[in-house]
Amino acid sequence: MDIQAHKLAFLSEYLRVNDEEVLLKLSTLLRRERQKRAKSYLQPMTHEQLANKLEKAETDSKEGRVMSQQEVEEFFKKKRAVQ
């Protein structure tokens, strides 16, 4: 079963739940799992790493390797349309 099928099966079961306590527990579990995943993506940086990233960003900017906000928005709109 692929992820979309799992989502549909879960959603179907979720919609049949009539106990508010169960719904609150499921919502809490989902929120906690999202927070865990978000934290796992966040890695502390040393001052040197931050300085290097800033230096690279400044160099990219000076050399024209940047995108406008409009270009970024268009990029993600296209990417979403493909999925």
N, C-alpha and C. Protein backbone atom coordinates (compact mmCIF):
# COMPACT_ATOMS: atom_id res chain seq x y z
N MET A 1 0.85 -1.18 0.00
CA MET A 1 0.00 0.00 0.00
C MET A 1 0.90 1.24 0.00
N ASP A 2 0.66 2.16 -0.91
CA ASP A 2 1.47 3.38 -0.97
C ASP A 2 0.96 4.41 0.02
N ILE A 3 1.68 5.52 0.14
CA ILE A 3 1.34 6.52 1.15
C ILE A 3 -0.03 7.14 0.93
N GLN A 4 -0.41 7.36 -0.33
CA GLN A 4 -1.72 7.94 -0.60
C GLN A 4 -2.84 6.99 -0.15
N ALA A 5 -2.64 5.72 -0.38
CA ALA A 5 -3.63 4.73 0.05
C ALA A 5 -3.71 4.69 1.57
N HIS A 6 -2.56 4.79 2.25
CA HIS A 6 -2.55 4.84 3.71
C HIS A 6 -3.30 6.07 4.22
N LYS A 7 -3.06 7.20 3.58
CA LYS A 7 -3.74 8.43 3.98
C LYS A 7 -5.25 8.30 3.84
N LEU A 8 -5.69 7.76 2.72
CA LEU A 8 -7.12 7.60 2.49
C LEU A 8 -7.74 6.63 3.49
N ALA A 9 -7.04 5.53 3.77
CA ALA A 9 -7.55 4.56 4.74
C ALA A 9 -7.64 5.20 6.13
N PHE A 10 -6.60 5.94 6.50
CA PHE A 10 -6.60 6.61 7.80
C PHE A 10 -7.71 7.65 7.88
N LEU A 11 -7.84 8.44 6.84
CA LEU A 11 -8.87 9.48 6.82
C LEU A 11 -10.26 8.87 6.93
N SER A 12 -10.48 7.80 6.23
CA SER A 12 -11.77 7.11 6.29
C SER A 12 -12.06 6.65 7.71
N GLU A 13 -11.07 6.07 8.36
CA GLU A 13 -11.24 5.61 9.74
C GLU A 13 -11.43 6.80 10.69
N TYR A 14 -10.64 7.85 10.48
CA TYR A 14 -10.70 9.06 11.31
C TYR A 14 -12.10 9.68 11.26
N LEU A 15 -12.69 9.71 10.09
CA LEU A 15 -14.00 10.32 9.93
C LEU A 15 -15.10 9.53 10.64
N ARG A 16 -14.85 8.26 10.93
CA ARG A 16 -15.84 7.43 11.63
C ARG A 16 -15.76 7.57 13.15
N VAL A 17 -14.68 8.20 13.65
CA VAL A 17 -14.52 8.35 15.09
C VAL A 17 -15.51 9.37 15.63
N ASN A 18 -16.23 8.98 16.68
CA ASN A 18 -17.23 9.87 17.28
C ASN A 18 -16.86 10.26 18.70
N ASP A 19 -15.70 9.84 19.15
CA ASP A 19 -15.26 10.13 20.51
C ASP A 19 -14.28 11.30 20.48
N GLU A 20 -14.68 12.42 21.09
CA GLU A 20 -13.84 13.62 21.06
C GLU A 20 -12.48 13.38 21.71
N GLU A 21 -12.44 12.57 22.75
CA GLU A 21 -11.17 12.28 23.43
C GLU A 21 -10.19 11.58 22.49
N VAL A 22 -10.70 10.65 21.70
CA VAL A 22 -9.86 9.94 20.73
C VAL A 22 -9.35 10.91 19.68
N LEU A 23 -10.22 11.79 19.21
CA LEU A 23 -9.82 12.78 18.20
C LEU A 23 -8.74 13.71 18.75
N LEU A 24 -8.89 14.13 20.00
CA LEU A 24 -7.87 14.99 20.63
C LEU A 24 -6.54 14.26 20.75
N LYS A 25 -6.58 12.99 21.11
CA LYS A 25 -5.34 12.20 21.22
C LYS A 25 -4.66 12.06 19.86
N LEU A 26 -5.45 11.80 18.83
CA LEU A 26 -4.88 11.68 17.49
C LEU A 26 -4.27 13.01 17.03
N SER A 27 -4.96 14.10 17.29
CA SER A 27 -4.45 15.43 16.92
C SER A 27 -3.16 15.74 17.67
N THR A 28 -3.13 15.41 18.95
CA THR A 28 -1.93 15.64 19.77
C THR A 28 -0.76 14.80 19.25
N LEU A 29 -1.03 13.54 18.93
CA LEU A 29 0.02 12.68 18.41
C LEU A 29 0.58 13.22 17.10
N LEU A 30 -0.29 13.65 16.21
CA LEU A 30 0.15 14.20 14.93
C LEU A 30 1.00 15.46 15.14
N ARG A 31 0.54 16.34 16.02
CA ARG A 31 1.28 17.58 16.29
C ARG A 31 2.67 17.26 16.88
N ARG A 32 2.73 16.32 17.82
CA ARG A 32 4.02 15.95 18.43
C ARG A 32 4.97 15.36 17.40
N GLU A 33 4.46 14.51 16.53
CA GLU A 33 5.31 13.91 15.50
C GLU A 33 5.84 14.96 14.54
N ARG A 34 5.00 15.93 14.17
CA ARG A 34 5.46 17.01 13.30
C ARG A 34 6.56 17.82 13.99
N GLN A 35 6.38 18.10 15.28
CA GLN A 35 7.38 18.85 16.03
C GLN A 35 8.70 18.09 16.11
N LYS A 36 8.63 16.78 16.33
CA LYS A 36 9.85 15.96 16.37
C LYS A 36 10.59 16.02 15.05
N ARG A 37 9.85 15.90 13.96
CA ARG A 37 10.49 15.93 12.64
C ARG A 37 11.08 17.30 12.35
N ALA A 38 10.37 18.35 12.73
CA ALA A 38 10.89 19.70 12.51
C ALA A 38 12.18 19.90 13.30
N LYS A 39 12.21 19.42 14.53
CA LYS A 39 13.42 19.56 15.36
C LYS A 39 14.58 18.76 14.79
N SER A 40 14.28 17.62 14.18
CA SER A 40 15.36 16.79 13.65
C SER A 40 16.04 17.46 12.46
N TYR A 41 15.33 18.38 11.77
CA TYR A 41 15.92 19.10 10.65
C TYR A 41 16.78 20.27 11.10
N LEU A 42 16.54 20.73 12.31
CA LEU A 42 17.28 21.88 12.83
C LEU A 42 18.57 21.41 13.48
N GLN A 43 19.67 21.86 12.96
CA GLN A 43 20.97 21.51 13.50
C GLN A 43 21.68 22.77 13.95
N PRO A 44 22.22 22.77 15.16
CA PRO A 44 22.94 23.96 15.60
C PRO A 44 24.16 24.22 14.72
N MET A 45 24.49 25.48 14.56
CA MET A 45 25.62 25.90 13.73
C MET A 45 26.65 26.59 14.60
N THR A 46 27.89 26.38 14.26
CA THR A 46 28.94 27.12 14.96
C THR A 46 28.99 28.53 14.38
N HIS A 47 29.64 29.42 15.09
CA HIS A 47 29.79 30.79 14.60
C HIS A 47 30.52 30.79 13.26
N GLU A 48 31.51 29.92 13.15
CA GLU A 48 32.29 29.82 11.90
C GLU A 48 31.42 29.35 10.74
N GLN A 49 30.56 28.36 10.97
CA GLN A 49 29.68 27.87 9.91
C GLN A 49 28.72 28.97 9.46
N LEU A 50 28.19 29.71 10.41
CA LEU A 50 27.29 30.80 10.08
C LEU A 50 28.01 31.88 9.27
N ALA A 51 29.22 32.22 9.70
CA ALA A 51 30.01 33.23 8.99
C ALA A 51 30.29 32.78 7.56
N ASN A 52 30.60 31.49 7.37
CA ASN A 52 30.85 30.96 6.03
C ASN A 52 29.61 31.02 5.15
N LYS A 53 28.45 30.70 5.73
CA LYS A 53 27.20 30.78 4.96
C LYS A 53 26.90 32.22 4.56
N LEU A 54 27.11 33.14 5.48
CA LEU A 54 26.88 34.56 5.17
C LEU A 54 27.82 35.05 4.08
N GLU A 55 29.07 34.63 4.17
CA GLU A 55 30.05 35.03 3.15
C GLU A 55 29.65 34.49 1.78
N LYS A 56 29.22 33.23 1.74
CA LYS A 56 28.80 32.64 0.47
C LYS A 56 27.57 33.37 -0.08
N ALA A 57 26.63 33.71 0.80
CA ALA A 57 25.43 34.42 0.36
C ALA A 57 25.78 35.79 -0.21
N GLU A 58 26.70 36.48 0.43
CA GLU A 58 27.12 37.79 -0.07
C GLU A 58 27.80 37.67 -1.42
N THR A 59 28.64 36.65 -1.58
CA THR A 59 29.32 36.41 -2.85
C THR A 59 28.30 36.09 -3.94
N ASP A 60 27.36 35.20 -3.63
CA ASP A 60 26.31 34.85 -4.60
C ASP A 60 25.54 36.10 -5.02
N SER A 61 25.23 36.94 -4.07
CA SER A 61 24.48 38.16 -4.37
C SER A 61 25.28 39.09 -5.28
N LYS A 62 26.54 39.29 -4.97
CA LYS A 62 27.40 40.16 -5.78
C LYS A 62 27.57 39.64 -7.20
N GLU A 63 27.58 38.31 -7.34
CA GLU A 63 27.81 37.69 -8.65
C GLU A 63 26.51 37.38 -9.38
N GLY A 64 25.39 37.85 -8.84
CA GLY A 64 24.12 37.70 -9.53
C GLY A 64 23.47 36.33 -9.43
N ARG A 65 23.94 35.50 -8.54
CA ARG A 65 23.34 34.17 -8.38
C ARG A 65 22.22 34.25 -7.34
N VAL A 66 21.19 35.00 -7.71
CA VAL A 66 20.04 35.19 -6.82
C VAL A 66 18.76 35.09 -7.64
N MET A 67 17.65 34.91 -6.94
CA MET A 67 16.33 34.88 -7.57
C MET A 67 15.46 35.90 -6.85
N SER A 68 14.58 36.53 -7.60
CA SER A 68 13.63 37.45 -6.99
C SER A 68 12.55 36.63 -6.28
N GLN A 69 11.80 37.28 -5.42
CA GLN A 69 10.71 36.59 -4.74
C GLN A 69 9.72 36.06 -5.76
N GLN A 70 9.45 36.84 -6.78
CA GLN A 70 8.50 36.42 -7.82
C GLN A 70 9.02 35.15 -8.52
N GLU A 71 10.32 35.10 -8.82
CA GLU A 71 10.89 33.91 -9.47
C GLU A 71 10.78 32.69 -8.56
N VAL A 72 11.00 32.87 -7.27
CA VAL A 72 10.90 31.77 -6.32
C VAL A 72 9.45 31.27 -6.25
N GLU A 73 8.51 32.20 -6.19
CA GLU A 73 7.10 31.82 -6.14
C GLU A 73 6.70 31.05 -7.39
N GLU A 74 7.13 31.51 -8.55
CA GLU A 74 6.82 30.81 -9.81
C GLU A 74 7.43 29.41 -9.82
N PHE A 75 8.67 29.30 -9.34
CA PHE A 75 9.34 28.00 -9.28
C PHE A 75 8.51 27.01 -8.48
N PHE A 76 8.04 27.43 -7.29
CA PHE A 76 7.28 26.51 -6.44
C PHE A 76 5.87 26.26 -6.96
N LYS A 77 5.29 27.22 -7.65
CA LYS A 77 3.99 26.98 -8.27
C LYS A 77 4.10 25.89 -9.33
N LYS A 78 5.15 25.99 -10.14
CA LYS A 78 5.38 24.98 -11.18
C LYS A 78 5.65 23.63 -10.56
N LYS A 79 6.45 23.62 -9.51
CA LYS A 79 6.80 22.37 -8.85
C LYS A 79 5.55 21.70 -8.27
N ARG A 80 4.66 22.50 -7.66
CA ARG A 80 3.42 21.99 -7.11
C ARG A 80 2.51 21.44 -8.21
N ALA A 81 2.50 22.12 -9.35
CA ALA A 81 1.64 21.69 -10.45
C ALA A 81 2.07 20.34 -11.01
N VAL A 82 3.36 20.06 -10.96
CA VAL A 82 3.89 18.79 -11.47
C VAL A 82 3.50 17.65 -10.55
N GLN A 83 3.47 17.90 -9.26
CA GLN A 83 3.16 16.86 -8.29
C GLN A 83 1.71 16.62 -8.33
